Every structure is written in structure tokens, then in C-alpha cells.
PDB file of N, CA and C in Angstrom:
ATOM      1  N   ARG A   1     -52.304 -19.490  -1.480  1.00  0.00           N
ATOM      2  CA  ARG A   1     -51.159 -19.616  -2.617  1.00  0.00           C
ATOM      3  C   ARG A   1     -50.733 -18.455  -3.230  1.00  0.00           C
ATOM      4  N   HIS A   2     -52.021 -17.323  -3.634  1.00  0.00           N
ATOM      5  CA  HIS A   2     -51.415 -16.600  -4.431  1.00  0.00           C
ATOM      6  C   HIS A   2     -50.555 -15.555  -3.660  1.00  0.00           C
ATOM      7  N   LEU A   3     -50.245 -15.448  -2.311  1.00  0.00           N
ATOM      8  CA  LEU A   3     -49.400 -14.699  -1.743  1.00  0.00           C
ATOM      9  C   LEU A   3     -48.141 -15.033  -1.321  1.00  0.00           C
ATOM     10  N   CYS A   4     -47.988 -16.142  -1.709  1.00  0.00           N
ATOM     11  CA  CYS A   4     -46.539 -17.140  -1.603  1.00  0.00           C
ATOM     12  C   CYS A   4     -45.859 -16.998  -2.930  1.00  0.00           C
ATOM     13  N   THR A   5     -46.589 -17.312  -4.231  1.00  0.00           N
ATOM     14  CA  THR A   5     -45.909 -17.638  -5.562  1.00  0.00           C
ATOM     15  C   THR A   5     -46.741 -17.170  -6.713  1.00  0.00           C
ATOM     16  N   HIS A   6     -46.131 -16.691  -7.520  1.00  0.00           N
ATOM     17  CA  HIS A   6     -46.497 -16.327  -8.718  1.00  0.00           C
ATOM     18  C   HIS A   6     -46.577 -17.014  -9.911  1.00  0.00           C
ATOM     19  N   SER A   7     -46.173 -18.393  -9.831  1.00  0.00           N
ATOM     20  CA  SER A   7     -45.587 -19.402 -10.893  1.00  0.00           C
ATOM     21  C   SER A   7     -47.230 -20.416 -11.133  1.00  0.00           C
ATOM     22  N   LYS A   8     -47.085 -20.747 -12.467  1.00  0.00           N
ATOM     23  CA  LYS A   8     -48.389 -21.152 -12.926  1.00  0.00           C
ATOM     24  C   LYS A   8     -48.696 -22.364 -12.167  1.00  0.00           C
ATOM     25  N   ASP A   9     -47.668 -23.045 -11.915  1.00  0.00           N
ATOM     26  CA  ASP A   9     -47.959 -24.536 -11.191  1.00  0.00           C
ATOM     27  C   ASP A   9     -47.639 -24.389  -9.702  1.00  0.00           C
ATOM     28  N   CYS A  10     -47.712 -23.314  -9.453  1.00  0.00           N
ATOM     29  CA  CYS A  10     -47.833 -23.276  -7.571  1.00  0.00           C
ATOM     30  C   CYS A  10     -46.483 -23.715  -6.840  1.00  0.00           C
ATOM     31  N   VAL A  11     -45.464 -23.518  -7.650  1.00  0.00           N
ATOM     32  CA  VAL A  11     -44.336 -24.099  -7.224  1.00  0.00           C
ATOM     33  C   VAL A  11     -43.195 -22.727  -6.345  1.00  0.00           C
ATOM     34  N   LYS A  12     -42.915 -23.022  -5.204  1.00  0.00           N
ATOM     35  CA  LYS A  12     -42.069 -21.717  -4.828  1.00  0.00           C
ATOM     36  C   LYS A  12     -40.376 -22.521  -4.863  1.00  0.00           C
ATOM     37  N   THR A  13     -39.840 -21.835  -5.770  1.00  0.00           N
ATOM     38  CA  THR A  13     -38.329 -22.456  -5.794  1.00  0.00           C
ATOM     39  C   THR A  13     -37.243 -21.382  -5.165  1.00  0.00           C
ATOM     40  N   VAL A  14     -36.275 -22.037  -4.416  1.00  0.00           N
ATOM     41  CA  VAL A  14     -35.491 -21.004  -3.757  1.00  0.00           C
ATOM     42  C   VAL A  14     -33.951 -21.207  -4.616  1.00  0.00           C
ATOM     43  N   GLN A  15     -33.095 -20.358  -4.662  1.00  0.00           N
ATOM     44  CA  GLN A  15     -32.222 -20.085  -5.648  1.00  0.00           C
ATOM     45  C   GLN A  15     -30.888 -19.856  -4.687  1.00  0.00           C
ATOM     46  N   ARG A  16     -30.025 -20.714  -4.749  1.00  0.00           N
ATOM     47  CA  ARG A  16     -28.887 -20.263  -3.629  1.00  0.00           C
ATOM     48  C   ARG A  16     -27.273 -19.688  -4.278  1.00  0.00           C
ATOM     49  N   HIS A  17     -26.722 -19.187  -3.764  1.00  0.00           N
ATOM     50  CA  HIS A  17     -25.388 -18.326  -4.420  1.00  0.00           C
ATOM     51  C   HIS A  17     -24.596 -19.851  -4.655  1.00  0.00           C
ATOM     52  N   ILE A  18     -23.622 -19.564  -5.536  1.00  0.00           N
ATOM     53  CA  ILE A  18     -22.716 -20.787  -6.407  1.00  0.00           C
ATOM     54  C   ILE A  18     -22.334 -21.038  -5.414  1.00  0.00           C
ATOM     55  N   TRP A  19     -21.829 -20.110  -4.315  1.00  0.00           N
ATOM     56  CA  TRP A  19     -20.664 -20.632  -3.228  1.00  0.00           C
ATOM     57  C   TRP A  19     -21.253 -21.083  -1.882  1.00  0.00           C
ATOM     58  N   LYS A  20     -22.418 -21.028  -1.783  1.00  0.00           N
ATOM     59  CA  LYS A  20     -23.125 -21.432  -0.482  1.00  0.00           C
ATOM     60  C   LYS A  20     -22.531 -22.539  -0.152  1.00  0.00           C
ATOM     61  N   ASP A  21     -22.451 -23.686  -0.435  1.00  0.00           N
ATOM     62  CA  ASP A  21     -21.812 -24.408   0.228  1.00  0.00           C
ATOM     63  C   ASP A  21     -20.831 -24.667   0.934  1.00  0.00           C
ATOM     64  N   TYR A  22     -19.729 -23.521   0.053  1.00  0.00           N
ATOM     65  CA  TYR A  22     -18.324 -23.501   0.670  1.00  0.00           C
ATOM     66  C   TYR A  22     -18.698 -22.447   1.937  1.00  0.00           C
ATOM     67  N   GLU A  23     -19.325 -21.604   1.902  1.00  0.00           N
ATOM     68  CA  GLU A  23     -19.718 -20.780   2.836  1.00  0.00           C
ATOM     69  C   GLU A  23     -20.223 -21.751   4.307  1.00  0.00           C
ATOM     70  N   ASP A  24     -21.321 -22.541   4.004  1.00  0.00           N
ATOM     71  CA  ASP A  24     -21.475 -23.491   5.044  1.00  0.00           C
ATOM     72  C   ASP A  24     -20.336 -24.275   5.396  1.00  0.00           C
ATOM     73  N   LEU A  25     -19.452 -25.009   4.741  1.00  0.00           N
ATOM     74  CA  LEU A  25     -18.640 -25.644   5.404  1.00  0.00           C
ATOM     75  C   LEU A  25     -17.546 -24.628   6.319  1.00  0.00           C
ATOM     76  N   ALA A  26     -17.422 -23.471   5.598  1.00  0.00           N
ATOM     77  CA  ALA A  26     -16.261 -22.703   6.683  1.00  0.00           C
ATOM     78  C   ALA A  26     -16.959 -22.311   8.255  1.00  0.00           C
ATOM     79  N   ASP A  27     -18.710 -22.359   7.941  1.00  0.00           N
ATOM     80  CA  ASP A  27     -18.810 -21.936   9.356  1.00  0.00           C
ATOM     81  C   ASP A  27     -18.986 -23.312   9.972  1.00  0.00           C
ATOM     82  N   ASP A  28     -18.906 -24.461   9.288  1.00  0.00           N
ATOM     83  CA  ASP A  28     -19.522 -26.085  10.206  1.00  0.00           C
ATOM     84  C   ASP A  28     -17.541 -25.657  10.704  1.00  0.00           C
ATOM     85  N   VAL A  29     -16.675 -25.607  10.034  1.00  0.00           N
ATOM     86  CA  VAL A  29     -15.431 -25.817  10.653  1.00  0.00           C
ATOM     87  C   VAL A  29     -14.971 -24.644  11.807  1.00  0.00           C
ATOM     88  N   ARG A  30     -15.811 -23.634  11.921  1.00  0.00           N
ATOM     89  CA  ARG A  30     -15.132 -22.315  12.758  1.00  0.00           C
ATOM     90  C   ARG A  30     -15.695 -22.739  14.087  1.00  0.00           C
ATOM     91  N   TYR A  31     -16.434 -23.876  14.313  1.00  0.00           N
ATOM     92  CA  TYR A  31     -17.030 -24.187  15.818  1.00  0.00           C
ATOM     93  C   TYR A  31     -16.032 -25.555  16.079  1.00  0.00           C
ATOM     94  N   THR A  32     -15.246 -25.833  15.362  1.00  0.00           N
ATOM     95  CA  THR A  32     -14.443 -27.254  16.060  1.00  0.00           C
ATOM     96  C   THR A  32     -13.529 -26.670  16.829  1.00  0.00           C
ATOM     97  N   PRO A  33     -13.261 -27.529  18.047  1.00  0.00           N
ATOM     98  CA  PRO A  33     -12.210 -26.831  19.103  1.00  0.00           C
ATOM     99  C   PRO A  33     -11.043 -26.342  18.431  1.00  0.00           C
ATOM    100  N   LYS A  34     -10.069 -26.855  17.130  1.00  0.00           N
ATOM    101  CA  LYS A  34      -9.003 -26.502  17.083  1.00  0.00           C
ATOM    102  C   LYS A  34      -9.284 -25.136  16.513  1.00  0.00           C
ATOM    103  N   TYR A  35     -10.268 -24.927  15.716  1.00  0.00           N
ATOM    104  CA  TYR A  35     -10.373 -23.435  15.438  1.00  0.00           C
ATOM    105  C   TYR A  35     -10.614 -22.484  16.360  1.00  0.00           C
ATOM    106  N   GLN A  36     -11.309 -22.816  17.426  1.00  0.00           N
ATOM    107  CA  GLN A  36     -11.645 -21.869  18.603  1.00  0.00           C
ATOM    108  C   GLN A  36     -10.574 -21.310  19.055  1.00  0.00           C
ATOM    109  N   LYS A  37      -9.865 -22.458  19.333  1.00  0.00           N
ATOM    110  CA  LYS A  37      -8.267 -21.978  19.995  1.00  0.00           C
ATOM    111  C   LYS A  37      -7.546 -20.935  18.888  1.00  0.00           C
ATOM    112  N   LEU A  38      -7.773 -21.104  17.721  1.00  0.00           N
ATOM    113  CA  LEU A  38      -6.753 -20.392  16.783  1.00  0.00           C
ATOM    114  C   LEU A  38      -7.606 -18.993  17.071  1.00  0.00           C
ATOM    115  N   TYR A  39      -9.052 -18.827  16.775  1.00  0.00           N
ATOM    116  CA  TYR A  39      -9.603 -17.498  16.942  1.00  0.00           C
ATOM    117  C   TYR A  39      -9.193 -16.973  18.291  1.00  0.00           C
ATOM    118  N   LYS A  40      -9.215 -17.347  19.711  1.00  0.00           N
ATOM    119  CA  LYS A  40      -8.785 -17.009  20.972  1.00  0.00           C
ATOM    120  C   LYS A  40      -7.076 -16.289  20.489  1.00  0.00           C
ATOM    121  N   ARG A  41      -6.261 -16.760  19.780  1.00  0.00           N
ATOM    122  CA  ARG A  41      -4.692 -16.315  19.658  1.00  0.00           C
ATOM    123  C   ARG A  41      -5.086 -15.232  18.857  1.00  0.00           C
ATOM    124  N   ARG A  42      -6.351 -15.334  17.671  1.00  0.00           N
ATOM    125  CA  ARG A  42      -6.116 -13.991  17.109  1.00  0.00           C
ATOM    126  C   ARG A  42      -6.486 -12.718  17.860  1.00  0.00           C
ATOM    127  N   LYS A  43      -7.548 -13.064  19.013  1.00  0.00           N
ATOM    128  CA  LYS A  43      -7.644 -11.671  19.665  1.00  0.00           C
ATOM    129  C   LYS A  43      -6.627 -11.413  20.248  1.00  0.00           C
ATOM    130  N   GLU A  44      -5.727 -12.026  20.717  1.00  0.00           N
ATOM    131  CA  GLU A  44      -4.199 -12.075  21.373  1.00  0.00           C
ATOM    132  C   GLU A  44      -3.545 -11.283  20.389  1.00  0.00           C
ATOM    133  N   THR A  45      -3.603 -11.523  19.152  1.00  0.00           N
ATOM    134  CA  THR A  45      -2.322 -10.974  18.356  1.00  0.00           C
ATOM    135  C   THR A  45      -3.070 -10.010  17.257  1.00  0.00           C
ATOM    136  N   ILE A  46      -3.953 -10.462  16.181  1.00  0.00           N
ATOM    137  CA  ILE A  46      -4.111  -9.517  15.164  1.00  0.00           C
ATOM    138  C   ILE A  46      -4.823  -8.053  15.750  1.00  0.00           C
ATOM    139  N   GLU A  47      -5.748  -8.532  16.524  1.00  0.00           N
ATOM    140  CA  GLU A  47      -6.806  -7.499  17.107  1.00  0.00           C
ATOM    141  C   GLU A  47      -5.983  -6.254  17.720  1.00  0.00           C
ATOM    142  N   ARG A  48      -5.100  -6.893  18.688  1.00  0.00           N
ATOM    143  CA  ARG A  48      -4.099  -6.047  19.202  1.00  0.00           C
ATOM    144  C   ARG A  48      -3.388  -4.925  18.479  1.00  0.00           C
ATOM    145  N   VAL A  49      -2.994  -5.328  17.516  1.00  0.00           N
ATOM    146  CA  VAL A  49      -2.252  -4.529  16.617  1.00  0.00           C
ATOM    147  C   VAL A  49      -3.049  -3.342  16.058  1.00  0.00           C
ATOM    148  N   PHE A  50      -4.206  -3.897  15.621  1.00  0.00           N
ATOM    149  CA  PHE A  50      -5.595  -2.600  15.256  1.00  0.00           C
ATOM    150  C   PHE A  50      -5.378  -1.704  16.257  1.00  0.00           C
ATOM    151  N   ALA A  51      -5.724  -2.514  17.453  1.00  0.00           N
ATOM    152  CA  ALA A  51      -6.040  -1.419  18.763  1.00  0.00           C
ATOM    153  C   ALA A  51      -4.886  -0.571  18.912  1.00  0.00           C
ATOM    154  N   ASP A  52      -3.755  -1.191  18.895  1.00  0.00           N
ATOM    155  CA  ASP A  52      -2.480   0.035  19.264  1.00  0.00           C
ATOM    156  C   ASP A  52      -2.336   1.037  18.204  1.00  0.00           C
ATOM    157  N   ALA A  53      -2.772   0.746  17.025  1.00  0.00           N
ATOM    158  CA  ALA A  53      -2.645   1.602  15.906  1.00  0.00           C
ATOM    159  C   ALA A  53      -3.570   2.589  16.164  1.00  0.00           C
ATOM    160  N   LYS A  54      -4.819   2.439  16.462  1.00  0.00           N
ATOM    161  CA  LYS A  54      -6.106   3.086  16.699  1.00  0.00           C
ATOM    162  C   LYS A  54      -5.858   4.169  18.150  1.00  0.00           C
ATOM    163  N   GLU A  55      -5.201   3.708  18.823  1.00  0.00           N
ATOM    164  CA  GLU A  55      -4.755   4.216  20.037  1.00  0.00           C
ATOM    165  C   GLU A  55      -3.632   5.098  20.140  1.00  0.00           C
ATOM    166  N   LYS A  56      -2.480   4.258  19.779  1.00  0.00           N
ATOM    167  CA  LYS A  56      -0.952   4.838  19.809  1.00  0.00           C
ATOM    168  C   LYS A  56      -0.648   5.892  18.771  1.00  0.00           C
ATOM    169  N   HIS A  57      -1.419   5.438  17.434  1.00  0.00           N
ATOM    170  CA  HIS A  57      -1.113   6.223  16.326  1.00  0.00           C
ATOM    171  C   HIS A  57      -1.897   7.146  15.765  1.00  0.00           C
ATOM    172  N   ALA A  58      -2.738   7.339  16.494  1.00  0.00           N
ATOM    173  CA  ALA A  58      -3.637   8.381  15.966  1.00  0.00           C
ATOM    174  C   ALA A  58      -4.358   7.975  14.768  1.00  0.00           C
ATOM    175  N   MET A  59      -4.974   6.683  14.916  1.00  0.00           N
ATOM    176  CA  MET A  59      -5.618   6.400  13.357  1.00  0.00           C
ATOM    177  C   MET A  59      -7.360   5.853  14.226  1.00  0.00           C
ATOM    178  N   ARG A  60      -7.485   6.309  15.186  1.00  0.00           N
ATOM    179  CA  ARG A  60      -8.753   6.424  15.300  1.00  0.00           C
ATOM    180  C   ARG A  60      -9.781   7.237  14.614  1.00  0.00           C
ATOM    181  N   TYR A  61      -9.707   8.548  14.018  1.00  0.00           N
ATOM    182  CA  TYR A  61     -10.132   9.200  13.411  1.00  0.00           C
ATOM    183  C   TYR A  61      -9.198   9.987  12.275  1.00  0.00           C
ATOM    184  N   THR A  62     -10.204  10.486  11.048  1.00  0.00           N
ATOM    185  CA  THR A  62      -8.893  10.980  10.221  1.00  0.00           C
ATOM    186  C   THR A  62      -9.821  12.763   9.886  1.00  0.00           C
ATOM    187  N   GLN A  63      -9.133  13.280   9.518  1.00  0.00           N
ATOM    188  CA  GLN A  63      -9.780  15.036   9.117  1.00  0.00           C
ATOM    189  C   GLN A  63     -10.061  14.987   7.749  1.00  0.00           C
ATOM    190  N   TYR A  64      -9.498  13.944   7.098  1.00  0.00           N
ATOM    191  CA  TYR A  64      -9.861  13.922   5.806  1.00  0.00           C
ATOM    192  C   TYR A  64     -10.702  12.609   5.154  1.00  0.00           C
ATOM    193  N   ARG A  65     -11.338  12.811   4.180  1.00  0.00           N
ATOM    194  CA  ARG A  65     -12.331  11.958   3.335  1.00  0.00           C
ATOM    195  C   ARG A  65     -11.701  11.193   2.010  1.00  0.00           C
ATOM    196  N   GLY A  66     -12.033  10.200   1.868  1.00  0.00           N
ATOM    197  CA  GLY A  66     -11.497   9.559   0.707  1.00  0.00           C
ATOM    198  C   GLY A  66      -9.891   8.728   0.971  1.00  0.00           C
ATOM    199  N   LEU A  67      -9.777   7.908   0.038  1.00  0.00           N
ATOM    200  CA  LEU A  67      -8.914   6.965   0.461  1.00  0.00           C
ATOM    201  C   LEU A  67      -7.242   7.914   0.139  1.00  0.00           C
ATOM    202  N   ALA A  68      -7.210   8.812  -1.211  1.00  0.00           N
ATOM    203  CA  ALA A  68      -5.877   9.383  -1.793  1.00  0.00           C
ATOM    204  C   ALA A  68      -5.613  10.420  -0.749  1.00  0.00           C
ATOM    205  N   GLN A  69      -6.653  11.093   0.061  1.00  0.00           N
ATOM    206  CA  GLN A  69      -6.356  12.210   1.179  1.00  0.00           C
ATOM    207  C   GLN A  69      -5.995  11.694   2.195  1.00  0.00           C
ATOM    208  N   VAL A  70      -6.683  10.449   2.431  1.00  0.00           N
ATOM    209  CA  VAL A  70      -6.301   9.750   3.735  1.00  0.00           C
ATOM    210  C   VAL A  70      -4.715   9.197   3.745  1.00  0.00           C
ATOM    211  N   SER A  71      -4.813   8.721   2.684  1.00  0.00           N
ATOM    212  CA  SER A  71      -3.031   7.824   2.091  1.00  0.00           C
ATOM    213  C   SER A  71      -2.012   9.010   2.243  1.00  0.00           C
ATOM    214  N   ASN A  72      -2.351  10.275   1.872  1.00  0.00           N
ATOM    215  CA  ASN A  72      -1.302  11.137   1.763  1.00  0.00           C
ATOM    216  C   ASN A  72      -1.173  11.896   3.225  1.00  0.00           C
ATOM    217  N   TRP A  73      -1.960  12.011   3.992  1.00  0.00           N
ATOM    218  CA  TRP A  73      -2.060  12.190   5.269  1.00  0.00           C
ATOM    219  C   TRP A  73      -1.007  11.255   6.219  1.00  0.00           C
TER     220      TRP A  73
END
């Protein structure tokens, strides 16, 4: 017991984040058939925009560091 807890009554407590229940709900919804279809569409639309930006508009690498310098570039 001394390896598991240092409390006087030998009870181990677990604390969850205040939004953990909502995070669990979002994870459950993600695996429903409706949202699986939406995620497939995301790969075709949203991710494609980022891929084009990286390949065609030289946004894969930058010569500068920091948001201000990269924004100026």
C-alpha cells in the first residue's frame, strides 16, 4: 500500500478534468456512421487545401523563425 498511496486512510483518489465528460462524448460521436462519412469528406476537401499550399505555394519550409518574420515573408 505504501507504494500506491500516501494518504492516511489508504484511499487512492483520481481527479478528472472538468471537461473530460464532454471529451468522452465527442470521442463516442466520432465513431458513428454519420461522422465517419464526414471525416472521409474532410480528407478530400480540407486536407487537400493544406497539401496544395505546401506543394504548390512553397509553404512546406520557411527560411525564417517566428510568426512575425514568417508573416512578413
